[in-house]
Every structure is written in C-alpha cells, then in structure tokens.
C-alpha cells in the first residue's frame, strides 16, 4: 500500500491527487498533490496548436529534449489533445500562472503543478523483458523542450525565492490570485503537453505491452504516470499484472498469484482487467483521490469505449469513499459516559455511608 506522502515525490507535484481556478485555493489549503510536467502551444483551445512541441532554441539540446521533440501524436492510439485537456482540468490539476510553493514540500510549481527546480534523475529499468528506458529529465530540460528561454526560468525562480523568504503560507494564499502572471495560459498548456509526452514515454517503460493496449488503456497508463511519477514503482501488484510472466515486479508483489498464475501474453478478457482494476482500487491513492481514480481506473476496462459512463459506474460501485473517523465526538461521548458513571457511583457511595452512620448511632 502506498504511503500518501510518497505521492508528493516524483516529477510532478502530488503525483494523483491540485484543483485550481476557484478550486486552487482549496487545493493549496488542503495540501492536495501537484502532479504534472508538460508543454505549451499557440492557442489553448486549438487542437492543432498542441499537436507538436516547438523546437527548443538551444541547438545543443539534451537527449531528453530531443526525445520529447521527436514524439508524434500517431505514436499512441488516443488523442493527445484530449489527454492534455483532462490533465489541465480543474478537477485533476491546478492552474496558477505564477510560481507558488507546493503545499507539502514548499518546492516551486507553476501552471498545472509543473515543478520548476527538479534535477534529472536516474530511473533504472527493472524489467529485463522491457527494452524501453525511463525518461526523467530535469525541470530545466522540460522547460527547454517546451521551447522556452532558460534565462526566463531563472528569473521566475529568483522571484519565487525572494517571496518565499518573506511570505508565510497564509500570505501566499492571500496573494496567490492577485499576483501578475509569469506565464500565459498558452504557455501553461504547452507545459502540460510536455509533461503528458514524458508520461506517455514512461508508460511504455512501465508496461512492456503498451502498444497492444486499447486507446483508453494507454491513456489511463499515461495519466497514472503523470499523476504519480516515479512513485508508480510502488504499485507492485498492478505492475506485475500488466507485465505478464515471471520477473522482478512479479516477485515483489504481495501475493504469489502474481508470479504464478498470470498469462504469458497480454489478456484482453473482462475478467483479467477486472483483476487489474481491483489491484488499483485497493491503494491509498484510489481512496484519497476517489473521483480522479474512478475516471482513470474505468479506462482500463476493455469495453470502456463502448460506454464510458457504465465503466465508471462499475468502478464507483466497488471503490467506496474513504471512511472519516470522528475521533473527537467519540472522545466526548466517552468522557460523558465516564462522568455519568462517576456521578452514579458517588451517589451510591453516599447512600451507603449514610446507612452505615445511622446503624452506628443506633
């Protein structure tokens, strides 16, 4: 079971699971995770404007920047612009056009939770049967892949750190939506696209049969990676089930069924994918971010494309909201019962002592 604090690590700023606009203040106050890294376009509402990331200005681009730039929408079976729209939706991610601190870690975020100062990281491929490597570039590389000037990123970070030295969390909340924007809506959308491309790239590294998945299943995998980043590695049971056959992930799964009873090739029967869905429904991520989880887990259903609403209803019927324990009220009730017993005991003791005194006088 994944610790909720792990959801805040990775290349996205909890992963899962930041609503902003009017909901951004609530996200900031409650500390919901910021979960994304992405790329901008010319017109936020035009699919054509988001079909390809602009070329980075630096000719000596890093391998990560080149790989993101080489991505084509035809590499996947779903509409990448639809994924970008989902990820920028206020129900899933935040939308703040000036740098602000992550509610949990204090690290600088912008747009839909894009991390501004993360370093590049090594992410080894543990599956010898999957030749696809992971792509974990730095924030500066992703910024460059979006086609933005590196000096501009430095300026945004300098302003952020000056404010952070002087402002408390309450001051940040009070000024969050009155600050002048440091990026435009179109640029924030381009950052979302860069993060979506990175998520698609890493989804192949997590799932060796990614190309055999249906369009909705591929989109679900990309969303899981976008929301949780490297912390998806902790979902051993889920990863073992979508990578059939023996392997290190199957051996790490909690139940022996994941290493012994899985098919050797990808199965598209409803029963198999129901088991895959249940492996996610039991996670803390699914219960903490239930609405988001229902929409993502439902996409794993092979029949999702026929009736998306029915697929979500099937998941929602199983994935119940987390139970809130009202400990305060329980303690009050306990104290009331204890006080009642104490008062009753005192009255009984008083009557007993009075009878004893009467007998003594007699």
Protein backbone atom coordinates (compact mmCIF):
# COMPACT_ATOMS: atom_id res chain seq x y z
CA UNK A 1 0.00 0.00 0.00
CA UNK A 2 1.49 3.33 -0.98
CA UNK A 3 2.12 5.88 1.76
CA UNK A 4 0.23 9.12 0.87
CA UNK A 5 3.40 11.14 1.50
CA UNK A 6 5.05 9.32 -1.41
CA UNK A 7 2.51 10.80 -3.78
CA UNK A 8 4.24 14.18 -3.40
CA UNK A 9 7.51 12.98 -4.85
CA UNK A 10 8.45 12.48 -8.48
CA UNK A 11 8.44 14.78 -11.45
CA UNK A 12 5.06 16.00 -10.77
CA UNK A 13 3.90 17.81 -7.92
CA UNK A 14 1.11 15.30 -5.96
CA UNK A 15 1.98 12.68 -8.09
CA UNK A 16 -2.62 11.66 -8.46
CA UNK A 17 -4.34 13.73 -6.03
CA UNK A 18 -4.46 20.25 -7.02
CA UNK A 19 -7.56 21.76 -8.42
CA UNK A 20 -7.21 25.47 -9.06
CA UNK A 21 -9.10 28.36 -10.56
CA UNK A 22 -11.65 28.77 -7.79
CA UNK A 23 -10.67 25.33 -6.57
CA UNK A 24 -6.96 26.16 -6.43
CA UNK A 25 -7.26 27.93 -3.11
CA UNK A 26 -8.85 24.82 -1.65
CA UNK A 27 -6.06 22.68 -3.13
CA UNK A 28 -3.43 24.94 -1.62
CA UNK A 29 -5.13 24.98 1.76
CA UNK A 30 -5.70 21.23 1.93
CA UNK A 31 -2.32 20.30 0.53
CA UNK A 32 -3.58 18.20 -2.37
CA UNK A 33 -0.72 16.96 -4.55
CA UNK A 34 0.50 18.74 -7.62
CA UNK A 35 1.02 16.07 -10.24
CA UNK A 36 2.36 17.09 -13.64
CA UNK A 37 5.06 18.19 -16.09
CA UNK A 38 4.16 19.32 -19.60
CA UNK A 39 4.37 21.66 -22.81
CA UNK A 40 2.77 24.91 -24.38
CA UNK A 41 1.08 25.80 -27.67
CA UNK A 42 -0.16 28.82 -29.58
CA UNK A 43 -3.87 28.60 -28.85
CA UNK A 44 -5.06 26.81 -25.73
CA UNK A 45 -8.32 25.85 -27.38
CA UNK A 46 -6.95 24.76 -30.74
CA UNK A 47 -6.01 21.09 -31.13
CA UNK A 48 -3.69 21.96 -33.99
CA UNK A 49 -1.70 24.30 -31.75
CA UNK A 50 -0.93 21.42 -29.36
CA UNK A 51 -0.08 18.79 -31.94
CA UNK A 52 3.66 19.33 -31.68
CA UNK A 53 6.03 20.96 -29.23
CA UNK A 54 8.08 23.88 -30.61
CA UNK A 55 11.73 23.28 -31.26
CA UNK A 56 14.00 24.20 -28.35
CA UNK A 57 16.13 27.28 -29.04
CA UNK A 58 19.38 25.61 -27.92
CA UNK A 59 20.96 23.56 -30.70
CA UNK A 60 22.90 21.53 -28.10
CA UNK A 61 19.72 20.05 -26.68
CA UNK A 62 19.94 17.21 -24.18
CA UNK A 63 18.85 13.68 -25.21
CA UNK A 64 15.68 14.13 -23.14
CA UNK A 65 14.75 17.29 -25.02
CA UNK A 66 15.38 15.60 -28.37
CA UNK A 67 13.28 12.53 -27.44
CA UNK A 68 10.35 14.71 -26.39
CA UNK A 69 10.71 16.75 -29.57
CA UNK A 70 10.65 13.58 -31.69
CA UNK A 71 7.29 12.48 -30.28
CA UNK A 72 4.42 12.20 -32.79
CA UNK A 73 0.74 12.08 -31.91
CA UNK A 74 0.45 8.98 -34.11
CA UNK A 75 2.70 7.10 -31.65
CA UNK A 76 -0.36 6.41 -29.47
CA UNK A 77 -3.93 5.22 -30.09
CA UNK A 78 -5.68 8.11 -28.33
CA UNK A 79 -5.99 11.84 -28.92
CA UNK A 80 -3.10 13.52 -27.10
CA UNK A 81 -5.01 16.81 -27.06
CA UNK A 82 -7.81 15.06 -25.16
CA UNK A 83 -5.28 13.90 -22.56
CA UNK A 84 -3.92 17.45 -22.27
CA UNK A 85 -7.45 18.78 -21.72
CA UNK A 86 -8.06 16.20 -18.99
CA UNK A 87 -4.78 16.99 -17.22
CA UNK A 88 -5.40 20.73 -17.21
CA UNK A 89 -9.00 20.31 -16.00
CA UNK A 90 -9.59 21.92 -12.59
CA UNK A 91 -10.88 18.61 -11.24
CA UNK A 92 -7.49 16.99 -11.79
CA UNK A 93 -4.69 19.55 -11.66
CA UNK A 94 -4.10 23.12 -10.59
CA UNK A 95 -3.90 26.18 -12.82
CA UNK A 96 -1.81 29.04 -11.42
CA UNK A 97 0.15 31.25 -13.79
CA UNK A 98 2.76 32.40 -11.29
CA UNK A 99 5.23 30.32 -9.29
CA UNK A 100 3.83 29.16 -5.94
CA UNK A 101 5.06 26.71 -3.26
CA UNK A 102 3.97 23.11 -3.16
CA UNK A 103 1.67 22.79 -0.11
CA UNK A 104 3.64 19.81 1.21
CA UNK A 105 7.26 20.28 0.12
CA UNK A 106 7.46 24.04 -0.48
CA UNK A 107 9.07 23.44 -3.90
CA UNK A 108 8.15 25.91 -6.68
CA UNK A 109 5.30 24.93 -9.03
CA UNK A 110 3.57 26.74 -11.87
CA UNK A 111 0.70 26.12 -14.28
CA UNK A 112 -0.84 22.69 -13.67
CA UNK A 113 1.64 21.80 -10.92
CA UNK A 114 4.74 21.87 -13.15
CA UNK A 115 7.86 21.53 -10.96
CA UNK A 116 10.37 24.27 -11.66
CA UNK A 117 13.57 23.10 -9.94
CA UNK A 118 13.79 19.30 -10.02
CA UNK A 119 17.10 17.77 -11.11
CA UNK A 120 17.48 15.00 -13.67
CA UNK A 121 17.26 11.55 -12.08
CA UNK A 122 18.37 8.03 -12.81
CA UNK A 123 15.45 5.62 -13.14
CA UNK A 124 16.75 2.11 -13.91
CA UNK A 125 14.57 -0.29 -15.87
CA UNK A 126 13.97 -3.30 -13.56
CA UNK A 127 12.22 -5.38 -16.24
CA UNK A 128 14.77 -7.19 -18.47
CA UNK A 129 11.93 -8.00 -20.88
CA UNK A 130 11.17 -4.31 -21.48
CA UNK A 131 13.79 -2.60 -23.71
CA UNK A 132 12.21 0.83 -23.26
CA UNK A 133 14.15 3.09 -20.83
CA UNK A 134 12.68 5.65 -18.46
CA UNK A 135 12.91 9.37 -19.19
CA UNK A 136 13.41 11.51 -16.05
CA UNK A 137 14.85 14.86 -17.21
CA UNK A 138 15.33 17.95 -15.08
CA UNK A 139 12.80 20.76 -14.90
CA UNK A 140 15.22 22.88 -16.94
CA UNK A 141 15.25 20.24 -19.70
CA UNK A 142 11.45 20.09 -19.81
CA UNK A 143 11.30 23.88 -19.83
CA UNK A 144 13.66 23.86 -22.81
CA UNK A 145 11.62 21.12 -24.52
CA UNK A 146 8.65 23.47 -24.26
CA UNK A 147 10.64 25.97 -26.33
CA UNK A 148 11.18 28.50 -23.52
CA UNK A 149 14.26 30.60 -22.75
CA UNK A 150 16.29 29.12 -19.85
CA UNK A 151 17.04 32.63 -18.57
CA UNK A 152 13.33 33.18 -18.11
CA UNK A 153 13.12 30.14 -15.82
CA UNK A 154 15.94 31.59 -13.72
CA UNK A 155 14.05 34.90 -13.39
CA UNK A 156 10.87 33.12 -12.26
CA UNK A 157 12.79 31.12 -9.67
CA UNK A 158 14.56 34.22 -8.35
CA UNK A 159 11.23 35.97 -7.78
CA UNK A 160 9.80 32.86 -6.14
CA UNK A 161 12.68 32.51 -3.67
CA UNK A 162 12.54 36.21 -2.75
CA UNK A 163 8.84 35.89 -1.94
CA UNK A 164 9.34 32.63 -0.07
CA UNK A 165 11.89 34.24 2.25
CA UNK A 166 9.40 36.95 3.18
CA UNK A 167 5.96 35.30 2.98
CA UNK A 168 4.20 32.81 5.21
CA UNK A 169 1.78 30.20 3.88
CA UNK A 170 -1.12 32.46 4.82
CA UNK A 171 0.42 35.34 2.85
CA UNK A 172 0.84 33.06 -0.17
CA UNK A 173 -2.82 32.08 -0.03
CA UNK A 174 -3.91 35.67 0.28
CA UNK A 175 -1.88 36.88 -2.72
CA UNK A 176 -1.99 33.76 -4.90
CA UNK A 177 -4.54 35.02 -7.45
CA UNK A 178 -3.66 38.70 -7.35
CA UNK A 179 -0.03 38.21 -8.43
CA UNK A 180 0.84 39.17 -12.01
CA UNK A 181 1.13 36.08 -14.26
CA UNK A 182 4.63 34.90 -15.14
CA UNK A 183 3.44 32.64 -17.97
CA UNK A 184 0.40 32.77 -20.25
CA UNK A 185 -2.43 30.25 -20.50
CA UNK A 186 -0.99 29.00 -23.79
CA UNK A 187 2.43 28.51 -22.23
CA UNK A 188 0.91 26.64 -19.28
CA UNK A 189 -0.85 24.38 -21.78
CA UNK A 190 2.47 23.75 -23.52
CA UNK A 191 4.00 22.71 -20.20
CA UNK A 192 1.09 20.31 -19.69
CA UNK A 193 1.79 18.82 -23.10
CA UNK A 194 5.48 18.30 -22.34
CA UNK A 195 4.54 16.51 -19.11
CA UNK A 196 1.98 14.40 -20.98
CA UNK A 197 4.60 13.34 -23.56
CA UNK A 198 7.03 12.40 -20.79
CA UNK A 199 4.24 10.40 -19.11
CA UNK A 200 3.48 8.55 -22.37
CA UNK A 201 7.18 7.82 -22.83
CA UNK A 202 7.49 6.39 -19.31
CA UNK A 203 4.19 4.49 -19.59
CA UNK A 204 5.94 2.32 -22.19
CA UNK A 205 8.74 1.71 -19.71
CA UNK A 206 6.23 0.64 -17.05
CA UNK A 207 4.18 -1.57 -19.40
CA UNK A 208 6.06 -3.73 -21.89
CA UNK A 209 2.85 -4.39 -23.87
CA UNK A 210 1.84 -0.72 -24.02
CA UNK A 211 1.44 -0.79 -27.80
CA UNK A 212 -1.07 -3.67 -27.51
CA UNK A 213 -3.35 -1.75 -25.14
CA UNK A 214 -6.51 -0.05 -26.37
CA UNK A 215 -6.55 3.73 -26.72
CA UNK A 216 -8.33 4.31 -23.36
CA UNK A 217 -5.99 1.85 -21.62
CA UNK A 218 -2.96 3.71 -22.98
CA UNK A 219 -4.45 7.00 -21.78
CA UNK A 220 -5.06 5.51 -18.33
CA UNK A 221 -1.42 4.42 -18.09
CA UNK A 222 -0.24 7.88 -19.14
CA UNK A 223 -2.45 9.51 -16.50
CA UNK A 224 -1.16 7.21 -13.78
CA UNK A 225 2.43 8.10 -14.67
CA UNK A 226 1.63 11.81 -14.92
CA UNK A 227 -0.05 11.88 -11.53
CA UNK A 228 2.37 9.67 -9.57
CA UNK A 229 5.68 9.94 -11.38
CA UNK A 230 8.34 7.53 -10.12
CA UNK A 231 6.11 6.51 -7.22
CA UNK A 232 4.17 4.24 -9.58
CA UNK A 233 7.06 1.81 -8.93
CA UNK A 234 5.46 1.10 -5.54
CA UNK A 235 2.33 -0.41 -7.17
CA UNK A 236 3.93 -3.86 -7.39
CA UNK A 237 0.72 -5.86 -7.77
CA UNK A 238 -0.60 -3.63 -10.56
CA UNK A 239 2.71 -3.58 -12.47
CA UNK A 240 3.09 -7.36 -12.12
CA UNK A 241 -0.37 -7.92 -13.60
CA UNK A 242 0.11 -5.69 -16.64
CA UNK A 243 3.51 -7.26 -17.34
CA UNK A 244 2.63 -10.98 -17.63
CA UNK A 245 5.17 -13.61 -16.84
CA UNK A 246 7.87 -14.00 -14.24
CA UNK A 247 10.01 -11.00 -13.42
CA UNK A 248 11.28 -8.77 -10.61
CA UNK A 249 7.97 -6.95 -10.26
CA UNK A 250 6.03 -10.20 -10.03
CA UNK A 251 8.43 -11.42 -7.37
CA UNK A 252 7.95 -8.17 -5.42
CA UNK A 253 4.16 -8.42 -5.44
CA UNK A 254 2.50 -9.29 -2.15
CA UNK A 255 0.56 -12.32 -3.41
CA UNK A 256 2.08 -15.41 -5.06
CA UNK A 257 -0.73 -15.35 -7.66
CA UNK A 258 1.05 -12.50 -9.40
CA UNK A 259 4.10 -14.62 -10.10
CA UNK A 260 2.45 -17.98 -10.79
CA UNK A 261 -0.99 -17.57 -12.34
CA UNK A 262 -0.54 -14.68 -14.77
CA UNK A 263 -0.82 -15.35 -18.52
CA UNK A 264 2.33 -15.23 -20.61
CA UNK A 265 0.80 -12.74 -23.08
CA UNK A 266 -1.45 -9.73 -22.58
CA UNK A 267 -5.04 -10.79 -21.95
CA UNK A 268 -7.99 -8.62 -23.02
CA UNK A 269 -10.76 -10.60 -21.33
CA UNK A 270 -13.06 -8.66 -18.97
CA UNK A 271 -12.16 -10.95 -16.06
CA UNK A 272 -8.44 -10.25 -16.39
CA UNK A 273 -8.89 -6.48 -16.50
CA UNK A 274 -11.29 -6.56 -13.55
CA UNK A 275 -8.43 -8.07 -11.56
CA UNK A 276 -6.10 -5.35 -12.84
CA UNK A 277 -8.60 -2.68 -11.80
CA UNK A 278 -9.01 -4.19 -8.33
CA UNK A 279 -5.23 -4.08 -7.82
CA UNK A 280 -5.51 -0.28 -8.09
CA UNK A 281 -8.77 0.08 -6.15
CA UNK A 282 -7.11 -1.25 -3.01
CA UNK A 283 -4.48 1.52 -2.98
CA UNK A 284 -4.50 4.58 -0.76
CA UNK A 285 -4.27 6.72 -3.90
CA UNK A 286 -7.64 5.39 -5.11
CA UNK A 287 -9.36 6.13 -1.80
CA UNK A 288 -7.75 9.53 -1.22
CA UNK A 289 -8.48 10.76 -4.76
CA UNK A 290 -11.58 8.72 -5.48
CA UNK A 291 -13.13 10.88 -8.23
CA UNK A 292 -9.91 11.01 -10.20
CA UNK A 293 -9.20 7.33 -9.60
CA UNK A 294 -12.64 6.25 -10.87
CA UNK A 295 -12.15 8.06 -14.18
CA UNK A 296 -8.66 6.58 -14.66
CA UNK A 297 -9.36 3.01 -13.50
CA UNK A 298 -12.52 2.83 -15.63
CA UNK A 299 -10.41 3.41 -18.77
CA UNK A 300 -8.68 0.07 -18.19
CA UNK A 301 -11.96 -1.69 -18.97
CA UNK A 302 -11.73 -3.22 -22.50
CA UNK A 303 -15.38 -2.14 -23.04
CA UNK A 304 -14.75 1.46 -21.92
CA UNK A 305 -15.02 2.90 -25.41
CA UNK A 306 -18.49 1.36 -25.88
CA UNK A 307 -19.96 3.02 -22.76
CA UNK A 308 -17.62 5.18 -20.64
CA UNK A 309 -20.34 6.07 -18.13
CA UNK A 310 -21.19 2.43 -17.46
CA UNK A 311 -17.49 1.61 -16.99
CA UNK A 312 -17.14 4.41 -14.42
CA UNK A 313 -20.28 3.28 -12.61
CA UNK A 314 -18.88 -0.24 -12.28
CA UNK A 315 -15.71 1.10 -10.70
CA UNK A 316 -17.59 3.57 -8.48
CA UNK A 317 -19.80 0.78 -7.13
CA UNK A 318 -16.70 -1.00 -5.81
CA UNK A 319 -14.47 1.93 -4.91
CA UNK A 320 -16.20 3.41 -1.88
CA UNK A 321 -15.24 6.78 -0.36
CA UNK A 322 -12.74 6.70 2.47
CA UNK A 323 -14.39 6.47 5.90
CA UNK A 324 -13.81 9.52 8.10
CA UNK A 325 -13.44 8.57 11.75
CA UNK A 326 -14.85 11.27 14.04
CA UNK A 327 -12.49 10.70 16.91
CA UNK A 328 -13.34 13.96 18.65
CA UNK A 329 -17.01 13.05 19.04
CA UNK A 330 -16.07 9.57 20.26
CA UNK A 331 -13.86 11.04 22.96
CA UNK A 332 -16.57 13.43 24.08
CA UNK A 333 -19.07 10.56 24.30
CA UNK A 334 -16.56 8.51 26.30
CA UNK A 335 -16.00 11.34 28.72
CA UNK A 336 -19.77 11.80 29.12
CA UNK A 337 -20.28 8.10 29.88
CA UNK A 338 -17.38 8.14 32.34
CA UNK A 339 -18.74 11.22 34.07
CA UNK A 340 -22.21 9.67 34.35
CA UNK A 341 -20.78 6.52 35.86
CA UNK A 342 -18.70 8.54 38.25
CA UNK A 343 -21.65 10.60 39.42
CA UNK A 344 -23.79 7.45 39.80
CA UNK A 345 -21.05 5.76 41.79
CA UNK A 346 -20.69 8.83 44.04
CA UNK A 347 -24.43 8.92 44.82
CA UNK A 348 -24.47 5.20 45.62
CA UNK A 349 -21.42 5.53 47.84
CA UNK A 350 -23.05 8.45 49.64
CA UNK A 351 -26.21 6.47 50.36
CA UNK A 352 -24.17 3.52 51.64
CA UNK A 353 -22.13 5.66 54.03
CA UNK A 354 -25.30 7.37 55.34
CA UNK A 355 -26.87 3.99 56.20
CA UNK A 356 -23.67 2.96 57.95
CA UNK A 357 -23.69 6.09 60.09
CA UNK A 358 -27.35 5.52 61.02
CA UNK A 359 -26.63 1.96 62.14
CA UNK A 360 -23.70 3.16 64.19
CA UNK A 361 -25.79 5.78 66.00
CA UNK A 362 -28.48 3.18 66.71
